[in-house]
Amino acid sequence: MPALPNPEYLKIEDNEKQILKLLDQLVLAPRVKALEWSHVTKQTPNMKIGYPGQHLASLITGVHGSRTGARGDDLEDGSEVKSCSRVDQLDSCKDCSNKVLRIEAVCPHCGSENLKRMDDSKWLFTVKTEDELKLLTEDIERVFLTIADYPNFSANDFETIRFQAFEIWNTDVRHEHFKTIMSNYYYKIFLEHIKKNPNKTPAPKNFWPYSYQFYLCNPIKVFQATVSDANTEPKVEIDLFVDPSKDRSELTAESMPTSLINMDELKILSMEENRNIIEPQLNSGTFDDLRDLTEKKTINKKKLVQLLPFINQDARALLDLRDTDKIAIAKTAYKRR
């Protein structure tokens, strides 16, 4: 079944122009003001992305919201929207363990420059019943994920911000791992926690951007924008915008960095029967050079990334979810009491 947006719901036009206007007025300009006040108040200027993410989702997809706030469908076509932001997260000092604002270059408590910059915001999925599980993984056609982060985080560049949007379609078999992951959470984690403590609600499912499980779901990027001089005079450039009417099943899923794979997974990729899939993706060296890496006790990640920096969805189809992401079938039916 194709991952095709329903044209009946595509009602918003002039999308890219409106996206630029929305980011400026609803996100970036208010953030610049918050940064200015943060120097005075020492409060975090954290850019809350929840409701702005809903607006952005509508403009990217061309689909109106359903006018239900947080209590119904996020978009008129039934799509589920999840947003997270890694911008302006609260940091900490590695020496004294006190909190440090992102705008602070040294710890205000001890003067140390040894800071732990945080980059761990994630999407949260709440699944408390089998009906909610079915809704999320079967009834809803599209799961729409937005994220705001720093593309140059490792270089401590906090002046450049990136907005991205990804889609996962329950109607497309290549995204089937999403259902497995959410089912695993509900049956293996949520219900097991309820058994142990019926009066305590388990934490929602953490779905981590750029993780192994994220890439095995074969997410499709449909939008990307980069903001330069984000802390003073933000300038936005749209790098990618997929037409809302485009059949998503015709789009290429995101490539996965091989730095995420373990030795068992590398051994699978380097099996002789997989040569025709892996060899065209090599960046340097030969397939036999890749196989040589499996002869060691641990992976030489630097060499691996030189040989094979990324793998596409055809290569990922050779891999399975890890044990923590597989469904564990309960031997007895769940009973609340």
C-alpha atoms as a PDB file:
ATOM      1  CA  MET A   1       0.000   0.000   0.000  1.00  0.00           C
ATOM      2  CA  PRO A   2       1.553   3.365  -0.969  1.00  0.00           C
ATOM      3  CA  ALA A   3       2.475   6.098   1.499  1.00  0.00           C
ATOM      4  CA  LEU A   4       0.390   8.648  -0.375  1.00  0.00           C
ATOM      5  CA  PRO A   5      -1.023  11.759   1.330  1.00  0.00           C
ATOM      6  CA  ASN A   6      -4.751  12.132   0.794  1.00  0.00           C
ATOM      7  CA  PRO A   7      -5.272  15.061  -1.624  1.00  0.00           C
ATOM      8  CA  GLU A   8      -8.619  15.776   0.044  1.00  0.00           C
ATOM      9  CA  TYR A   9      -6.758  17.246   3.019  1.00  0.00           C
ATOM     10  CA  LEU A  10      -4.070  19.249   1.181  1.00  0.00           C
ATOM     11  CA  LYS A  11      -5.511  22.713   1.720  1.00  0.00           C
ATOM     12  CA  ILE A  12      -2.541  24.938   2.625  1.00  0.00           C
ATOM     13  CA  GLU A  13      -0.686  26.606  -0.232  1.00  0.00           C
ATOM     14  CA  ASP A  14       2.417  28.761  -0.632  1.00  0.00           C
ATOM     15  CA  ASN A  15       3.972  26.450   1.948  1.00  0.00           C
ATOM     16  CA  GLU A  16       7.643  27.425   1.837  1.00  0.00           C
ATOM     17  CA  LYS A  17       6.951  31.151   2.103  1.00  0.00           C
ATOM     18  CA  GLN A  18       4.638  30.558   5.044  1.00  0.00           C
ATOM     19  CA  ILE A  19       7.169  28.259   6.739  1.00  0.00           C
ATOM     20  CA  LEU A  20       9.800  31.006   6.636  1.00  0.00           C
ATOM     21  CA  LYS A  21       7.330  33.473   8.108  1.00  0.00           C
ATOM     22  CA  LEU A  22       6.224  31.072  10.846  1.00  0.00           C
ATOM     23  CA  LEU A  23       9.768  30.201  11.925  1.00  0.00           C
ATOM     24  CA  ASP A  24      10.649  33.869  12.130  1.00  0.00           C
ATOM     25  CA  GLN A  25       7.566  35.085  13.974  1.00  0.00           C
ATOM     26  CA  LEU A  26       6.683  32.115  16.181  1.00  0.00           C
ATOM     27  CA  VAL A  27      10.086  30.595  16.992  1.00  0.00           C
ATOM     28  CA  LEU A  28      13.222  32.569  16.126  1.00  0.00           C
ATOM     29  CA  ALA A  29      12.325  36.190  16.937  1.00  0.00           C
ATOM     30  CA  PRO A  30      10.809  35.295  20.342  1.00  0.00           C
ATOM     31  CA  ARG A  31      13.888  33.163  21.074  1.00  0.00           C
ATOM     32  CA  VAL A  32      16.261  36.085  20.408  1.00  0.00           C
ATOM     33  CA  LYS A  33      14.300  38.147  22.932  1.00  0.00           C
ATOM     34  CA  ALA A  34      14.357  35.251  25.404  1.00  0.00           C
ATOM     35  CA  LEU A  35      18.140  35.010  25.009  1.00  0.00           C
ATOM     36  CA  GLU A  36      18.482  38.707  25.817  1.00  0.00           C
ATOM     37  CA  TRP A  37      16.398  38.341  28.973  1.00  0.00           C
ATOM     38  CA  SER A  38      18.221  35.148  29.907  1.00  0.00           C
ATOM     39  CA  HIS A  39      21.391  37.186  30.439  1.00  0.00           C
ATOM     40  CA  VAL A  40      19.468  39.254  32.991  1.00  0.00           C
ATOM     41  CA  THR A  41      17.305  36.624  34.707  1.00  0.00           C
ATOM     42  CA  LYS A  42      19.583  33.568  34.334  1.00  0.00           C
ATOM     43  CA  GLN A  43      16.494  31.621  33.285  1.00  0.00           C
ATOM     44  CA  THR A  44      16.718  29.150  30.418  1.00  0.00           C
ATOM     45  CA  PRO A  45      15.548  30.506  27.049  1.00  0.00           C
ATOM     46  CA  ASN A  46      14.585  26.955  26.047  1.00  0.00           C
ATOM     47  CA  MET A  47      12.617  26.976  22.798  1.00  0.00           C
ATOM     48  CA  LYS A  48       9.483  24.944  23.506  1.00  0.00           C
ATOM     49  CA  ILE A  49       8.650  23.231  20.232  1.00  0.00           C
ATOM     50  CA  GLY A  50       5.353  21.468  21.067  1.00  0.00           C
ATOM     51  CA  TYR A  51       2.682  23.725  19.609  1.00  0.00           C
ATOM     52  CA  PRO A  52       5.020  25.508  17.138  1.00  0.00           C
ATOM     53  CA  GLY A  53       5.825  21.982  15.928  1.00  0.00           C
ATOM     54  CA  GLN A  54       2.136  21.410  15.222  1.00  0.00           C
ATOM     55  CA  HIS A  55       1.980  24.619  13.172  1.00  0.00           C
ATOM     56  CA  LEU A  56       5.144  23.646  11.301  1.00  0.00           C
ATOM     57  CA  ALA A  57       3.747  20.178  10.603  1.00  0.00           C
ATOM     58  CA  SER A  58       0.641  21.694   9.022  1.00  0.00           C
ATOM     59  CA  LEU A  59       2.694  23.935   6.746  1.00  0.00           C
ATOM     60  CA  ILE A  60       5.065  21.137   5.703  1.00  0.00           C
ATOM     61  CA  THR A  61       2.279  18.631   5.006  1.00  0.00           C
ATOM     62  CA  GLY A  62      -0.260  21.154   3.724  1.00  0.00           C
ATOM     63  CA  VAL A  63      -2.827  19.698   6.136  1.00  0.00           C
ATOM     64  CA  HIS A  64      -4.883  21.735   8.597  1.00  0.00           C
ATOM     65  CA  GLY A  65      -4.978  20.887  12.273  1.00  0.00           C
ATOM     66  CA  SER A  66      -8.103  19.178  13.597  1.00  0.00           C
ATOM     67  CA  ARG A  67      -8.943  21.935  16.109  1.00  0.00           C
ATOM     68  CA  THR A  68      -8.718  19.561  19.073  1.00  0.00           C
ATOM     69  CA  GLY A  69      -5.663  20.811  20.971  1.00  0.00           C
ATOM     70  CA  ALA A  70      -3.903  17.811  22.504  1.00  0.00           C
ATOM     71  CA  ARG A  71      -7.025  15.642  22.799  1.00  0.00           C
ATOM     72  CA  GLY A  72      -7.597  14.389  19.248  1.00  0.00           C
ATOM     73  CA  ASP A  73      -5.963  14.042  15.862  1.00  0.00           C
ATOM     74  CA  ASP A  74      -3.008  16.371  15.427  1.00  0.00           C
ATOM     75  CA  LEU A  75      -3.729  16.878  11.731  1.00  0.00           C
ATOM     76  CA  GLU A  76      -7.033  16.731   9.873  1.00  0.00           C
ATOM     77  CA  ASP A  77      -5.946  13.603   7.972  1.00  0.00           C
ATOM     78  CA  GLY A  78      -5.327  11.771  11.266  1.00  0.00           C
ATOM     79  CA  SER A  79      -1.522  12.105  11.253  1.00  0.00           C
ATOM     80  CA  GLU A  80       0.251  11.928  14.609  1.00  0.00           C
ATOM     81  CA  VAL A  81       2.746  14.764  15.202  1.00  0.00           C
ATOM     82  CA  LYS A  82       5.638  14.533  17.659  1.00  0.00           C
ATOM     83  CA  SER A  83       8.199  17.296  18.213  1.00  0.00           C
ATOM     84  CA  CYS A  84      11.401  17.666  20.183  1.00  0.00           C
ATOM     85  CA  SER A  85      14.048  20.355  20.532  1.00  0.00           C
ATOM     86  CA  ARG A  86      17.719  20.026  21.433  1.00  0.00           C
ATOM     87  CA  VAL A  87      18.173  23.783  21.267  1.00  0.00           C
ATOM     88  CA  ASP A  88      18.999  25.643  24.497  1.00  0.00           C
ATOM     89  CA  GLN A  89      18.963  22.528  26.656  1.00  0.00           C
ATOM     90  CA  LEU A  90      20.163  23.062  30.203  1.00  0.00           C
ATOM     91  CA  ASP A  91      23.807  22.030  30.628  1.00  0.00           C
ATOM     92  CA  SER A  92      25.928  21.183  33.673  1.00  0.00           C
ATOM     93  CA  CYS A  93      29.443  21.570  35.041  1.00  0.00           C
ATOM     94  CA  LYS A  94      31.567  18.413  35.063  1.00  0.00           C
ATOM     95  CA  ASP A  95      33.595  19.707  38.012  1.00  0.00           C
ATOM     96  CA  CYS A  96      30.977  20.965  40.498  1.00  0.00           C
ATOM     97  CA  SER A  97      27.842  19.360  38.941  1.00  0.00           C
ATOM     98  CA  ASN A  98      25.862  22.616  39.056  1.00  0.00           C
ATOM     99  CA  LYS A  99      23.605  23.680  36.195  1.00  0.00           C
ATOM    100  CA  VAL A 100      24.904  25.914  33.405  1.00  0.00           C
ATOM    101  CA  LEU A 101      22.932  27.794  30.769  1.00  0.00           C
ATOM    102  CA  ARG A 102      23.739  27.195  27.113  1.00  0.00           C
ATOM    103  CA  ILE A 103      24.642  30.886  26.742  1.00  0.00           C
ATOM    104  CA  GLU A 104      27.290  30.581  29.476  1.00  0.00           C
ATOM    105  CA  ALA A 105      30.855  29.752  28.400  1.00  0.00           C
ATOM    106  CA  VAL A 106      32.043  28.974  31.950  1.00  0.00           C
ATOM    107  CA  CYS A 107      30.362  27.601  35.048  1.00  0.00           C
ATOM    108  CA  PRO A 108      28.919  30.537  37.031  1.00  0.00           C
ATOM    109  CA  HIS A 109      29.454  28.579  40.267  1.00  0.00           C
ATOM    110  CA  CYS A 110      33.107  27.489  40.062  1.00  0.00           C
ATOM    111  CA  GLY A 111      34.443  29.172  36.911  1.00  0.00           C
ATOM    112  CA  SER A 112      35.262  25.869  35.186  1.00  0.00           C
ATOM    113  CA  GLU A 113      35.215  25.580  31.404  1.00  0.00           C
ATOM    114  CA  ASN A 114      34.719  21.822  31.727  1.00  0.00           C
ATOM    115  CA  LEU A 115      31.056  21.750  30.772  1.00  0.00           C
ATOM    116  CA  LYS A 116      28.720  18.935  29.797  1.00  0.00           C
ATOM    117  CA  ARG A 117      26.607  20.166  26.913  1.00  0.00           C
ATOM    118  CA  MET A 118      23.314  18.290  26.648  1.00  0.00           C
ATOM    119  CA  ASP A 119      21.962  16.957  23.365  1.00  0.00           C
ATOM    120  CA  ASP A 120      19.504  14.288  24.398  1.00  0.00           C
ATOM    121  CA  SER A 121      15.946  15.474  23.807  1.00  0.00           C
ATOM    122  CA  LYS A 122      13.766  12.795  22.222  1.00  0.00           C
ATOM    123  CA  TRP A 123      10.252  12.071  20.983  1.00  0.00           C
ATOM    124  CA  LEU A 124       7.852  10.635  23.566  1.00  0.00           C
ATOM    125  CA  PHE A 125       5.062   8.180  22.782  1.00  0.00           C
ATOM    126  CA  THR A 126       2.395   7.352  25.363  1.00  0.00           C
ATOM    127  CA  VAL A 127       0.732   3.957  24.869  1.00  0.00           C
ATOM    128  CA  LYS A 128      -1.436   2.840  27.797  1.00  0.00           C
ATOM    129  CA  THR A 129      -3.927   0.453  26.171  1.00  0.00           C
ATOM    130  CA  GLU A 130      -4.124  -1.979  23.287  1.00  0.00           C
ATOM    131  CA  ASP A 131      -6.532   0.420  21.589  1.00  0.00           C
ATOM    132  CA  GLU A 132      -3.941   3.196  21.794  1.00  0.00           C
ATOM    133  CA  LEU A 133      -1.290   0.825  20.415  1.00  0.00           C
ATOM    134  CA  LYS A 134      -3.537  -0.121  17.512  1.00  0.00           C
ATOM    135  CA  LEU A 135      -4.340   3.530  16.853  1.00  0.00           C
ATOM    136  CA  LEU A 136      -0.657   4.527  16.769  1.00  0.00           C
ATOM    137  CA  THR A 137       0.638   1.608  14.695  1.00  0.00           C
ATOM    138  CA  GLU A 138      -2.300   0.640  12.460  1.00  0.00           C
ATOM    139  CA  ASP A 139      -5.170   3.128  12.305  1.00  0.00           C
ATOM    140  CA  ILE A 140      -2.971   6.214  11.929  1.00  0.00           C
ATOM    141  CA  GLU A 141      -1.351   6.241   8.504  1.00  0.00           C
ATOM    142  CA  ARG A 142       1.433   8.762   9.121  1.00  0.00           C
ATOM    143  CA  VAL A 143       3.641   9.557  12.109  1.00  0.00           C
ATOM    144  CA  PHE A 144       5.215  12.986  11.599  1.00  0.00           C
ATOM    145  CA  LEU A 145       8.381  13.797  13.574  1.00  0.00           C
ATOM    146  CA  THR A 146       9.961  17.241  13.890  1.00  0.00           C
ATOM    147  CA  ILE A 147      13.232  18.113  15.580  1.00  0.00           C
ATOM    148  CA  ALA A 148      15.204  21.291  16.189  1.00  0.00           C
ATOM    149  CA  ASP A 149      18.892  20.813  16.919  1.00  0.00           C
ATOM    150  CA  TYR A 150      22.426  22.036  16.307  1.00  0.00           C
ATOM    151  CA  PRO A 151      23.989  20.462  13.182  1.00  0.00           C
ATOM    152  CA  ASN A 152      27.463  21.453  14.421  1.00  0.00           C
ATOM    153  CA  PHE A 153      26.921  20.490  18.056  1.00  0.00           C
ATOM    154  CA  SER A 154      30.232  18.628  18.373  1.00  0.00           C
ATOM    155  CA  ALA A 155      32.061  21.828  17.369  1.00  0.00           C
ATOM    156  CA  ASN A 156      30.196  23.847  20.040  1.00  0.00           C
ATOM    157  CA  ASP A 157      28.539  25.885  17.312  1.00  0.00           C
ATOM    158  CA  PHE A 158      25.336  27.095  18.967  1.00  0.00           C
ATOM    159  CA  GLU A 159      24.758  29.866  16.431  1.00  0.00           C
ATOM    160  CA  THR A 160      23.493  27.453  13.769  1.00  0.00           C
ATOM    161  CA  ILE A 161      20.144  25.714  14.239  1.00  0.00           C
ATOM    162  CA  ARG A 162      18.529  23.076  12.048  1.00  0.00           C
ATOM    163  CA  PHE A 163      14.868  22.158  11.730  1.00  0.00           C
ATOM    164  CA  GLN A 164      14.007  18.758  10.240  1.00  0.00           C
ATOM    165  CA  ALA A 165      10.870  16.721   9.677  1.00  0.00           C
ATOM    166  CA  PHE A 166      10.626  12.975   9.106  1.00  0.00           C
ATOM    167  CA  GLU A 167       7.716  10.706   8.274  1.00  0.00           C
ATOM    168  CA  ILE A 168       6.966   7.084   9.140  1.00  0.00           C
ATOM    169  CA  TRP A 169       4.042   5.458   7.355  1.00  0.00           C
ATOM    170  CA  ASN A 170       2.209   2.502   8.876  1.00  0.00           C
ATOM    171  CA  THR A 171       0.863   1.741   5.397  1.00  0.00           C
ATOM    172  CA  ASP A 172       4.370   1.108   4.013  1.00  0.00           C
ATOM    173  CA  VAL A 173       6.009  -2.203   4.935  1.00  0.00           C
ATOM    174  CA  ARG A 174       9.482  -0.673   5.048  1.00  0.00           C
ATOM    175  CA  HIS A 175       8.461   1.130   8.252  1.00  0.00           C
ATOM    176  CA  GLU A 176       7.228  -2.050   9.973  1.00  0.00           C
ATOM    177  CA  HIS A 177       9.855  -1.869  12.722  1.00  0.00           C
ATOM    178  CA  PHE A 178       8.048   1.135  14.175  1.00  0.00           C
ATOM    179  CA  LYS A 179       5.103  -1.077  15.079  1.00  0.00           C
ATOM    180  CA  THR A 180       7.461  -3.673  16.573  1.00  0.00           C
ATOM    181  CA  ILE A 181       9.191  -1.066  18.732  1.00  0.00           C
ATOM    182  CA  MET A 182       5.949   0.399  20.048  1.00  0.00           C
ATOM    183  CA  SER A 183       4.435  -3.047  20.618  1.00  0.00           C
ATOM    184  CA  ASN A 184       7.545  -4.085  22.503  1.00  0.00           C
ATOM    185  CA  TYR A 185       7.241  -1.036  24.744  1.00  0.00           C
ATOM    186  CA  TYR A 186       3.599  -1.726  25.540  1.00  0.00           C
ATOM    187  CA  TYR A 187       3.795  -5.481  26.142  1.00  0.00           C
ATOM    188  CA  LYS A 188       7.308  -5.826  27.520  1.00  0.00           C
ATOM    189  CA  ILE A 189       7.774  -2.584  29.448  1.00  0.00           C
ATOM    190  CA  PHE A 190       4.470  -0.809  30.156  1.00  0.00           C
ATOM    191  CA  LEU A 191       2.435  -3.864  31.209  1.00  0.00           C
ATOM    192  CA  GLU A 192       5.332  -5.371  33.147  1.00  0.00           C
ATOM    193  CA  HIS A 193       5.732  -2.155  35.128  1.00  0.00           C
ATOM    194  CA  ILE A 194       1.990  -2.018  35.804  1.00  0.00           C
ATOM    195  CA  LYS A 195       2.141  -5.578  37.160  1.00  0.00           C
ATOM    196  CA  LYS A 196       4.818  -4.569  39.648  1.00  0.00           C
ATOM    197  CA  ASN A 197       3.210  -1.279  40.665  1.00  0.00           C
ATOM    198  CA  PRO A 198      -0.411  -0.784  39.503  1.00  0.00           C
ATOM    199  CA  ASN A 199      -0.559   2.673  41.088  1.00  0.00           C
ATOM    200  CA  LYS A 200       2.421   4.104  39.221  1.00  0.00           C
ATOM    201  CA  THR A 201       2.232   5.061  35.539  1.00  0.00           C
ATOM    202  CA  PRO A 202       5.351   3.969  33.599  1.00  0.00           C
ATOM    203  CA  ALA A 203       7.331   6.559  31.662  1.00  0.00           C
ATOM    204  CA  PRO A 204       6.367   6.963  27.993  1.00  0.00           C
ATOM    205  CA  LYS A 205       8.372   5.358  25.225  1.00  0.00           C
ATOM    206  CA  ASN A 206      11.545   7.265  24.363  1.00  0.00           C
ATOM    207  CA  PHE A 207      12.089   7.317  20.598  1.00  0.00           C
ATOM    208  CA  TRP A 208      15.620   8.631  20.103  1.00  0.00           C
ATOM    209  CA  PRO A 209      16.542  10.708  17.042  1.00  0.00           C
ATOM    210  CA  TYR A 210      19.516   9.383  15.085  1.00  0.00           C
ATOM    211  CA  SER A 211      19.546   6.076  16.989  1.00  0.00           C
ATOM    212  CA  TYR A 212      19.854   2.556  15.597  1.00  0.00           C
ATOM    213  CA  GLN A 213      16.132   1.915  16.105  1.00  0.00           C
ATOM    214  CA  PHE A 214      15.272   5.253  14.477  1.00  0.00           C
ATOM    215  CA  TYR A 215      17.135   4.365  11.279  1.00  0.00           C
ATOM    216  CA  LEU A 216      15.780   0.806  11.181  1.00  0.00           C
ATOM    217  CA  CYS A 217      12.313   2.361  10.921  1.00  0.00           C
ATOM    218  CA  ASN A 218      13.482   3.865   7.597  1.00  0.00           C
ATOM    219  CA  PRO A 219      12.365   7.452   8.296  1.00  0.00           C
ATOM    220  CA  ILE A 220      11.765   9.686   5.285  1.00  0.00           C
ATOM    221  CA  LYS A 221      13.036  13.240   5.520  1.00  0.00           C
ATOM    222  CA  VAL A 222      10.530  15.659   4.014  1.00  0.00           C
ATOM    223  CA  PHE A 223      11.868  18.969   5.301  1.00  0.00           C
ATOM    224  CA  GLN A 224      15.061  20.644   6.421  1.00  0.00           C
ATOM    225  CA  ALA A 225      15.907  24.271   7.122  1.00  0.00           C
ATOM    226  CA  THR A 226      19.136  25.768   8.461  1.00  0.00           C
ATOM    227  CA  VAL A 227      19.258  28.930  10.549  1.00  0.00           C
ATOM    228  CA  SER A 228      22.485  30.928  10.652  1.00  0.00           C
ATOM    229  CA  ASP A 229      23.262  33.653  13.220  1.00  0.00           C
ATOM    230  CA  ALA A 230      20.393  32.175  15.192  1.00  0.00           C
ATOM    231  CA  ASN A 231      21.229  33.985  18.438  1.00  0.00           C
ATOM    232  CA  THR A 232      21.340  37.518  17.012  1.00  0.00           C
ATOM    233  CA  GLU A 233      19.903  38.026  13.523  1.00  0.00           C
ATOM    234  CA  PRO A 234      18.443  34.694  12.383  1.00  0.00           C
ATOM    235  CA  LYS A 235      18.537  33.934   8.657  1.00  0.00           C
ATOM    236  CA  VAL A 236      16.643  30.864   7.455  1.00  0.00           C
ATOM    237  CA  GLU A 237      17.374  28.824   4.358  1.00  0.00           C
ATOM    238  CA  ILE A 238      15.160  25.920   3.357  1.00  0.00           C
ATOM    239  CA  ASP A 239      17.429  23.059   2.286  1.00  0.00           C
ATOM    240  CA  LEU A 240      14.726  20.494   1.533  1.00  0.00           C
ATOM    241  CA  PHE A 241      10.987  20.681   1.022  1.00  0.00           C
ATOM    242  CA  VAL A 242       9.075  17.699  -0.345  1.00  0.00           C
ATOM    243  CA  ASP A 243       5.835  18.551  -2.113  1.00  0.00           C
ATOM    244  CA  PRO A 244       2.915  17.612   0.186  1.00  0.00           C
ATOM    245  CA  SER A 245       1.256  15.593  -2.587  1.00  0.00           C
ATOM    246  CA  LYS A 246       4.324  13.464  -3.338  1.00  0.00           C
ATOM    247  CA  ASP A 247       3.971   9.702  -2.890  1.00  0.00           C
ATOM    248  CA  ARG A 248       6.328   9.009   0.027  1.00  0.00           C
ATOM    249  CA  SER A 249       6.879   5.402  -1.060  1.00  0.00           C
ATOM    250  CA  GLU A 250       8.894   6.815  -3.976  1.00  0.00           C
ATOM    251  CA  LEU A 251      11.282   8.669  -1.652  1.00  0.00           C
ATOM    252  CA  THR A 252      14.585   7.341  -0.326  1.00  0.00           C
ATOM    253  CA  ALA A 253      14.787   6.715   3.405  1.00  0.00           C
ATOM    254  CA  GLU A 254      17.562   8.297   5.454  1.00  0.00           C
ATOM    255  CA  SER A 255      20.949   6.574   5.335  1.00  0.00           C
ATOM    256  CA  MET A 256      22.244   5.213   8.640  1.00  0.00           C
ATOM    257  CA  PRO A 257      25.775   5.982   9.908  1.00  0.00           C
ATOM    258  CA  THR A 258      27.692   2.723  10.326  1.00  0.00           C
ATOM    259  CA  SER A 259      29.158   4.090  13.543  1.00  0.00           C
ATOM    260  CA  LEU A 260      25.912   2.838  15.131  1.00  0.00           C
ATOM    261  CA  ILE A 261      26.357  -0.853  14.300  1.00  0.00           C
ATOM    262  CA  ASN A 262      27.964  -3.499  16.500  1.00  0.00           C
ATOM    263  CA  MET A 263      30.224  -6.408  15.587  1.00  0.00           C
ATOM    264  CA  ASP A 264      27.397  -8.923  15.081  1.00  0.00           C
ATOM    265  CA  GLU A 265      25.691  -6.545  12.662  1.00  0.00           C
ATOM    266  CA  LEU A 266      28.934  -5.870  10.800  1.00  0.00           C
ATOM    267  CA  LYS A 267      29.443  -9.607  10.386  1.00  0.00           C
ATOM    268  CA  ILE A 268      26.003  -9.867   8.796  1.00  0.00           C
ATOM    269  CA  LEU A 269      26.706  -7.016   6.386  1.00  0.00           C
ATOM    270  CA  SER A 270      30.065  -8.508   5.417  1.00  0.00           C
ATOM    271  CA  MET A 271      28.731 -11.979   4.622  1.00  0.00           C
ATOM    272  CA  GLU A 272      29.592 -13.061   1.080  1.00  0.00           C
ATOM    273  CA  GLU A 273      25.937 -13.373   0.054  1.00  0.00           C
ATOM    274  CA  ASN A 274      25.504  -9.671   0.852  1.00  0.00           C
ATOM    275  CA  ARG A 275      28.402  -8.468  -1.275  1.00  0.00           C
ATOM    276  CA  ASN A 276      26.178  -7.166  -4.097  1.00  0.00           C
ATOM    277  CA  ILE A 277      24.221  -5.003  -1.661  1.00  0.00           C
ATOM    278  CA  ILE A 278      27.150  -3.613   0.325  1.00  0.00           C
ATOM    279  CA  GLU A 279      29.895  -3.255  -2.289  1.00  0.00           C
ATOM    280  CA  PRO A 280      28.235  -0.376  -4.240  1.00  0.00           C
ATOM    281  CA  GLN A 281      27.954   1.584  -0.976  1.00  0.00           C
ATOM    282  CA  LEU A 282      31.666   1.441  -0.142  1.00  0.00           C
ATOM    283  CA  ASN A 283      33.355   4.821   0.030  1.00  0.00           C
ATOM    284  CA  SER A 284      36.879   3.410  -0.214  1.00  0.00           C
ATOM    285  CA  GLY A 285      38.707   0.097  -0.095  1.00  0.00           C
ATOM    286  CA  THR A 286      37.150  -3.239  -0.981  1.00  0.00           C
ATOM    287  CA  PHE A 287      34.497  -5.555   0.366  1.00  0.00           C
ATOM    288  CA  ASP A 288      37.281  -7.846   1.590  1.00  0.00           C
ATOM    289  CA  ASP A 289      38.735  -4.934   3.577  1.00  0.00           C
ATOM    290  CA  LEU A 290      35.348  -4.651   5.271  1.00  0.00           C
ATOM    291  CA  ARG A 291      35.331  -8.361   6.050  1.00  0.00           C
ATOM    292  CA  ASP A 292      38.795  -8.068   7.581  1.00  0.00           C
ATOM    293  CA  LEU A 293      37.363  -5.769  10.252  1.00  0.00           C
ATOM    294  CA  THR A 294      35.314  -8.674  11.618  1.00  0.00           C
ATOM    295  CA  GLU A 295      38.484 -10.637  12.418  1.00  0.00           C
ATOM    296  CA  LYS A 296      39.216  -8.393  15.402  1.00  0.00           C
ATOM    297  CA  LYS A 297      37.597  -8.523  18.851  1.00  0.00           C
ATOM    298  CA  THR A 298      36.226  -5.007  18.475  1.00  0.00           C
ATOM    299  CA  ILE A 299      35.361  -2.860  15.482  1.00  0.00           C
ATOM    300  CA  ASN A 300      37.872  -0.284  14.318  1.00  0.00           C
ATOM    301  CA  LYS A 301      35.161   2.384  13.967  1.00  0.00           C
ATOM    302  CA  LYS A 302      37.508   4.881  12.305  1.00  0.00           C
ATOM    303  CA  LYS A 303      38.394   2.360   9.586  1.00  0.00           C
ATOM    304  CA  LEU A 304      34.769   1.258   9.236  1.00  0.00           C
ATOM    305  CA  VAL A 305      33.566   4.812   8.673  1.00  0.00           C
ATOM    306  CA  GLN A 306      36.293   5.330   6.071  1.00  0.00           C
ATOM    307  CA  LEU A 307      35.262   2.202   4.180  1.00  0.00           C
ATOM    308  CA  LEU A 308      31.498   2.351   4.632  1.00  0.00           C
ATOM    309  CA  PRO A 309      30.265   5.567   6.244  1.00  0.00           C
ATOM    310  CA  PHE A 310      26.543   4.899   5.671  1.00  0.00           C
ATOM    311  CA  ILE A 311      24.189   2.090   4.715  1.00  0.00           C
ATOM    312  CA  ASN A 312      20.908   2.469   2.847  1.00  0.00           C
ATOM    313  CA  GLN A 313      17.582   0.798   3.533  1.00  0.00           C
ATOM    314  CA  ASP A 314      18.493  -2.239   1.410  1.00  0.00           C
ATOM    315  CA  ALA A 315      21.455  -2.913   3.691  1.00  0.00           C
ATOM    316  CA  ARG A 316      19.397  -2.249   6.802  1.00  0.00           C
ATOM    317  CA  ALA A 317      16.901  -4.856   5.636  1.00  0.00           C
ATOM    318  CA  LEU A 318      19.632  -7.405   6.394  1.00  0.00           C
ATOM    319  CA  LEU A 319      19.661  -6.348  10.050  1.00  0.00           C
ATOM    320  CA  ASP A 320      17.207  -6.928  12.846  1.00  0.00           C
ATOM    321  CA  LEU A 321      16.151  -4.885  15.832  1.00  0.00           C
ATOM    322  CA  ARG A 322      18.257  -5.521  18.884  1.00  0.00           C
ATOM    323  CA  ASP A 323      16.927  -7.611  21.764  1.00  0.00           C
ATOM    324  CA  THR A 324      15.671  -4.596  23.688  1.00  0.00           C
ATOM    325  CA  ASP A 325      13.462  -3.659  20.728  1.00  0.00           C
ATOM    326  CA  LYS A 326      11.875  -7.041  20.078  1.00  0.00           C
ATOM    327  CA  ILE A 327       8.461  -8.098  21.275  1.00  0.00           C
ATOM    328  CA  ALA A 328       8.441 -10.428  24.251  1.00  0.00           C
ATOM    329  CA  ILE A 329       5.138 -12.319  24.263  1.00  0.00           C
ATOM    330  CA  ALA A 330       3.723 -12.668  27.762  1.00  0.00           C
ATOM    331  CA  LYS A 331       3.163 -16.314  28.757  1.00  0.00           C
ATOM    332  CA  THR A 332      -0.004 -15.424  30.659  1.00  0.00           C
ATOM    333  CA  ALA A 333      -2.682 -12.877  29.883  1.00  0.00           C
ATOM    334  CA  TYR A 334      -2.282  -9.554  31.630  1.00  0.00           C
ATOM    335  CA  LYS A 335      -4.680  -9.003  34.540  1.00  0.00           C
ATOM    336  CA  ARG A 336      -4.832  -5.732  36.434  1.00  0.00           C
ATOM    337  CA  ARG A 337      -5.842  -7.542  39.649  1.00  0.00           C
END
